[in-house]
Amino acid sequence: MTLQSYAQRAYAQSATPTRTPRDTEYEAISKITHRLKAAAARKATDFSGFVQALHENRRLWTVLATGVADSDNSLPKDLRARIFYLAEFTEQHSAQVLGNTATVEPLLEINMAVLRGLRHMRAAG
């Protein structure tokens, strides 16, 4: 390999964008939301897949609640409280969805609202 090709490789590697924690959160929430939406559409033929996607969404919100409950979290207190409330709602509503007394749509709407907020933060930041 020539000196020039080493330099080109080194530059190409440093030119990749740096991922922020918000980017990682956005990607995780987006993937789980898409899985949940797709699984909801196949609920009648793949109920176990739907339950798995619902469980992944619950785990996501448990992680988010744990993060905002940490006293070192730098988000404003009111935002932390709202995220914690949404995690509690998600837990309760998911149980209702599994009991067939509620639909999955409110969970999808919450996730999409969070994604819009994260997208707005990325654009402003």
C-alpha atoms as a PDB file:
ATOM      1  CA  MET A   1       0.000   0.000   0.000  1.00  0.00           C
ATOM      2  CA  THR A   2       1.356   3.417  -0.904  1.00  0.00           C
ATOM      3  CA  LEU A   3       1.654   6.377   1.406  1.00  0.00           C
ATOM      4  CA  GLN A   4      -1.081   8.135  -0.567  1.00  0.00           C
ATOM      5  CA  SER A   5      -3.528   5.243  -0.106  1.00  0.00           C
ATOM      6  CA  TYR A   6      -2.823   5.209   3.655  1.00  0.00           C
ATOM      7  CA  ALA A   7      -3.592   8.908   3.782  1.00  0.00           C
ATOM      8  CA  GLN A   8      -6.801   8.467   1.797  1.00  0.00           C
ATOM      9  CA  ARG A   9      -7.985   5.663   4.104  1.00  0.00           C
ATOM     10  CA  ALA A  10      -7.174   7.649   7.230  1.00  0.00           C
ATOM     11  CA  TYR A  11      -9.020  10.690   5.920  1.00  0.00           C
ATOM     12  CA  ALA A  12     -12.036   8.636   4.818  1.00  0.00           C
ATOM     13  CA  GLN A  13     -12.352   7.105   8.285  1.00  0.00           C
ATOM     14  CA  SER A  14     -12.237  10.467  10.032  1.00  0.00           C
ATOM     15  CA  ALA A  15     -14.799  11.880   7.634  1.00  0.00           C
ATOM     16  CA  THR A  16     -17.535   9.621   8.980  1.00  0.00           C
ATOM     17  CA  PRO A  17     -20.035  11.554  11.080  1.00  0.00           C
ATOM     18  CA  THR A  18     -19.870  11.330  14.850  1.00  0.00           C
ATOM     19  CA  ARG A  19     -22.930   9.742  16.442  1.00  0.00           C
ATOM     20  CA  THR A  20     -24.379  11.537  19.402  1.00  0.00           C
ATOM     21  CA  PRO A  21     -26.391   9.926  22.213  1.00  0.00           C
ATOM     22  CA  ARG A  22     -29.505  11.547  20.686  1.00  0.00           C
ATOM     23  CA  ASP A  23     -28.732   9.878  17.352  1.00  0.00           C
ATOM     24  CA  THR A  24     -28.483   6.523  19.108  1.00  0.00           C
ATOM     25  CA  GLU A  25     -31.768   7.125  20.955  1.00  0.00           C
ATOM     26  CA  TYR A  26     -33.483   8.151  17.737  1.00  0.00           C
ATOM     27  CA  GLU A  27     -32.286   5.043  15.923  1.00  0.00           C
ATOM     28  CA  ALA A  28     -33.349   2.693  18.749  1.00  0.00           C
ATOM     29  CA  ILE A  29     -36.803   4.247  19.135  1.00  0.00           C
ATOM     30  CA  SER A  30     -37.292   4.325  15.377  1.00  0.00           C
ATOM     31  CA  LYS A  31     -36.408   0.641  14.933  1.00  0.00           C
ATOM     32  CA  ILE A  32     -38.632  -0.476  17.801  1.00  0.00           C
ATOM     33  CA  THR A  33     -41.511   1.685  16.563  1.00  0.00           C
ATOM     34  CA  HIS A  34     -41.268   0.272  13.051  1.00  0.00           C
ATOM     35  CA  ARG A  35     -41.139  -3.280  14.410  1.00  0.00           C
ATOM     36  CA  LEU A  36     -44.169  -2.655  16.610  1.00  0.00           C
ATOM     37  CA  LYS A  37     -46.139  -1.134  13.748  1.00  0.00           C
ATOM     38  CA  ALA A  38     -45.292  -4.025  11.412  1.00  0.00           C
ATOM     39  CA  ALA A  39     -46.055  -6.607  14.102  1.00  0.00           C
ATOM     40  CA  ALA A  40     -49.401  -4.943  14.841  1.00  0.00           C
ATOM     41  CA  ALA A  41     -50.325  -5.305  11.167  1.00  0.00           C
ATOM     42  CA  ARG A  42     -49.537  -9.046  11.367  1.00  0.00           C
ATOM     43  CA  LYS A  43     -51.068  -9.566  14.812  1.00  0.00           C
ATOM     44  CA  ALA A  44     -53.787 -11.927  13.550  1.00  0.00           C
ATOM     45  CA  THR A  45     -51.306 -14.252  11.860  1.00  0.00           C
ATOM     46  CA  ASP A  46     -48.239 -13.789  14.117  1.00  0.00           C
ATOM     47  CA  PHE A  47     -49.419 -13.031  17.630  1.00  0.00           C
ATOM     48  CA  SER A  48     -46.140 -14.135  19.223  1.00  0.00           C
ATOM     49  CA  GLY A  49     -44.258 -11.652  17.023  1.00  0.00           C
ATOM     50  CA  PHE A  50     -46.658  -8.939  18.128  1.00  0.00           C
ATOM     51  CA  VAL A  51     -46.111  -9.826  21.793  1.00  0.00           C
ATOM     52  CA  GLN A  52     -42.334  -9.738  21.263  1.00  0.00           C
ATOM     53  CA  ALA A  53     -42.504  -6.302  19.611  1.00  0.00           C
ATOM     54  CA  LEU A  54     -44.723  -5.013  22.413  1.00  0.00           C
ATOM     55  CA  HIS A  55     -42.234  -6.374  24.960  1.00  0.00           C
ATOM     56  CA  GLU A  56     -39.349  -4.624  23.167  1.00  0.00           C
ATOM     57  CA  ASN A  57     -41.277  -1.362  23.342  1.00  0.00           C
ATOM     58  CA  ARG A  58     -41.888  -1.855  27.071  1.00  0.00           C
ATOM     59  CA  ARG A  59     -38.182  -2.555  27.617  1.00  0.00           C
ATOM     60  CA  LEU A  60     -37.286   0.600  25.700  1.00  0.00           C
ATOM     61  CA  TRP A  61     -39.507   2.686  27.953  1.00  0.00           C
ATOM     62  CA  THR A  62     -38.106   0.992  31.054  1.00  0.00           C
ATOM     63  CA  VAL A  63     -34.616   2.010  29.936  1.00  0.00           C
ATOM     64  CA  LEU A  64     -35.793   5.568  29.254  1.00  0.00           C
ATOM     65  CA  ALA A  65     -37.479   5.765  32.682  1.00  0.00           C
ATOM     66  CA  THR A  66     -34.342   4.494  34.380  1.00  0.00           C
ATOM     67  CA  GLY A  67     -32.282   7.088  32.549  1.00  0.00           C
ATOM     68  CA  VAL A  68     -34.459  10.037  33.528  1.00  0.00           C
ATOM     69  CA  ALA A  69     -34.708   8.811  37.134  1.00  0.00           C
ATOM     70  CA  ASP A  70     -30.923   9.125  37.451  1.00  0.00           C
ATOM     71  CA  SER A  71     -30.030  12.264  39.399  1.00  0.00           C
ATOM     72  CA  ASP A  72     -27.105  12.873  37.007  1.00  0.00           C
ATOM     73  CA  ASN A  73     -29.459  13.157  34.018  1.00  0.00           C
ATOM     74  CA  SER A  74     -29.016  16.590  32.457  1.00  0.00           C
ATOM     75  CA  LEU A  75     -32.511  16.946  30.974  1.00  0.00           C
ATOM     76  CA  PRO A  76     -34.794  19.552  32.573  1.00  0.00           C
ATOM     77  CA  LYS A  77     -36.795  18.167  35.486  1.00  0.00           C
ATOM     78  CA  ASP A  78     -40.172  18.740  33.834  1.00  0.00           C
ATOM     79  CA  LEU A  79     -39.085  16.826  30.714  1.00  0.00           C
ATOM     80  CA  ARG A  80     -37.699  14.013  32.845  1.00  0.00           C
ATOM     81  CA  ALA A  81     -41.023  13.809  34.697  1.00  0.00           C
ATOM     82  CA  ARG A  82     -42.984  13.678  31.431  1.00  0.00           C
ATOM     83  CA  ILE A  83     -40.773  10.909  30.063  1.00  0.00           C
ATOM     84  CA  PHE A  84     -41.194   8.957  33.304  1.00  0.00           C
ATOM     85  CA  TYR A  85     -44.971   9.409  33.098  1.00  0.00           C
ATOM     86  CA  LEU A  86     -44.954   8.163  29.492  1.00  0.00           C
ATOM     87  CA  ALA A  87     -42.990   5.099  30.594  1.00  0.00           C
ATOM     88  CA  GLU A  88     -45.615   4.352  33.246  1.00  0.00           C
ATOM     89  CA  PHE A  89     -48.413   4.894  30.726  1.00  0.00           C
ATOM     90  CA  THR A  90     -46.684   2.607  28.230  1.00  0.00           C
ATOM     91  CA  GLU A  91     -46.395  -0.141  30.835  1.00  0.00           C
ATOM     92  CA  GLN A  92     -50.066   0.079  31.806  1.00  0.00           C
ATOM     93  CA  HIS A  93     -51.377   0.501  28.260  1.00  0.00           C
ATOM     94  CA  SER A  94     -49.285  -2.415  26.987  1.00  0.00           C
ATOM     95  CA  ALA A  95     -50.957  -4.649  29.569  1.00  0.00           C
ATOM     96  CA  GLN A  96     -54.336  -3.475  28.286  1.00  0.00           C
ATOM     97  CA  VAL A  97     -53.277  -4.198  24.694  1.00  0.00           C
ATOM     98  CA  LEU A  98     -52.287  -7.719  25.709  1.00  0.00           C
ATOM     99  CA  GLY A  99     -55.635  -8.091  27.475  1.00  0.00           C
ATOM    100  CA  ASN A 100     -57.327  -7.022  24.245  1.00  0.00           C
ATOM    101  CA  THR A 101     -58.994  -4.035  25.931  1.00  0.00           C
ATOM    102  CA  ALA A 102     -56.942  -1.370  24.121  1.00  0.00           C
ATOM    103  CA  THR A 103     -55.245  -0.783  20.775  1.00  0.00           C
ATOM    104  CA  VAL A 104     -51.565  -0.323  20.053  1.00  0.00           C
ATOM    105  CA  GLU A 105     -52.056   3.034  18.293  1.00  0.00           C
ATOM    106  CA  PRO A 106     -51.471   5.263  21.366  1.00  0.00           C
ATOM    107  CA  LEU A 107     -48.109   3.557  21.920  1.00  0.00           C
ATOM    108  CA  LEU A 108     -47.123   4.182  18.314  1.00  0.00           C
ATOM    109  CA  GLU A 109     -48.264   7.806  18.559  1.00  0.00           C
ATOM    110  CA  ILE A 110     -46.164   8.362  21.691  1.00  0.00           C
ATOM    111  CA  ASN A 111     -43.081   6.902  20.056  1.00  0.00           C
ATOM    112  CA  MET A 112     -43.613   8.997  16.930  1.00  0.00           C
ATOM    113  CA  ALA A 113     -43.995  12.161  19.033  1.00  0.00           C
ATOM    114  CA  VAL A 114     -40.710  11.374  20.793  1.00  0.00           C
ATOM    115  CA  LEU A 115     -39.035  10.795  17.428  1.00  0.00           C
ATOM    116  CA  ARG A 116     -40.302  14.173  16.192  1.00  0.00           C
ATOM    117  CA  GLY A 117     -38.907  15.808  19.328  1.00  0.00           C
ATOM    118  CA  LEU A 118     -35.530  14.143  18.906  1.00  0.00           C
ATOM    119  CA  ARG A 119     -35.478  15.117  15.213  1.00  0.00           C
ATOM    120  CA  HIS A 120     -36.238  18.721  16.186  1.00  0.00           C
ATOM    121  CA  MET A 121     -33.418  18.653  18.760  1.00  0.00           C
ATOM    122  CA  ARG A 122     -30.989  17.318  16.139  1.00  0.00           C
ATOM    123  CA  ALA A 123     -31.993  20.038  13.672  1.00  0.00           C
ATOM    124  CA  ALA A 124     -31.649  22.770  16.297  1.00  0.00           C
ATOM    125  CA  GLY A 125     -28.429  21.420  17.753  1.00  0.00           C
END
